[in-house]
Amino acid sequence: MNINLSWARRASRVLTPILACVTSAALLLAFAESVEQDQSTPPRKPTSAPRKVVEQPRVLVFSKTAGFRHGSIPTGIKTMVELGKEHGFDVVTTEDPARFNEKELSTLSCVVFLNTTGDVLDDAQQKHFETFIRNGGGYVGVHSAADTEYDWPWYGRLVGAWFKTHPRIQPAKINVEDRTFPATSMLPPVWDRTDEWYVYRDNPRPNVTVLMSLDETSYEGGGMNGDHPTSWYHDFDGGRAFYTGGGHTNESYAEPLFRKHLTGAIMWASGIVNTPAKKRSPLPANVDKPVDVLKP
């Protein structure tokens, strides 16, 4: 028993300095490695905060008229509200141009001009709307949105083309030129439907991406020499702009395909669906000259 205890004491006296040296060496090596890493590797950046959740898109449907008033406006408004509920965007409806102010517009993703006519915004309201678009806002023009604000050149470029005249309401064949866009992806190559088909003052094709065009041989009163766009979109002045010539009749808003057409347009203009626009529009020739406004 005494022999074992004596041996243990002698072993402890021998091993203790050795263990101390090994421990010190390990600590020095770890310290040296940490210094080398600090000198060669930049400090780690703190983890980024999680991305802010995008709020539900908010769409203003504006239907003020200062000229001809379409009887389908109430049906169109009701349809827009229904589409918002079905597809997850808030819809605010108004005919009050005072809503075109900096505070109100800053809450919106998109503004729909639903069968507006004539001079509907004053100069200050126009400037606020221009700023909204330049800040990345969206615009959807429906039917007589092209019969609006003839003395506002910027709006003429936004909508893409101004109304000139129209024949009677009648069926026509629509050639769907682009079936990849959100507002036309659900449509057949040739879409047969009845509406009031506008003739436009200028052909918008050089300045926009045309989605659909009318087959002028399929109805009376084409008026655009065989190349007759009726729906288009473009990247405009920092924002997104879409126009459709349909939407004159009450029956339009009950058509499943037309409702999907409008939904796709709003979702694109609001930035919900990200299909990049392809063309920017220069100022059209003679854009400053107003034309005689005919009843749509």
Foldseek 3Di string as FASTA:
>chain_A
DVVVVVVVVVVCVVCVVVVVVVVVVVVVVVVVVVVVCPVPPPDDDPDDDDDDDDDFAEEEEEEAEPDDHFPQVVLVLVLVCVLCVVPTHHYHYDPDLVCLDQVNLVRHQEYEHALYAEERHDPRSVVSVLVSQLQAHFYEYEAQLLRYDLQDLLSCQQQQFHFDDWDDWDKFKKQFPDLPAQLRVPDDRIDIDIAIATDTPDDRVVAWAAGIATQPVGDPDQNDVRGGGAWTKANENNYIGIYGNGDRDNVLSVDPSSSSSVSSRVCPRSVVDPDHTDGYGDRDPPSNDGDDRDHD
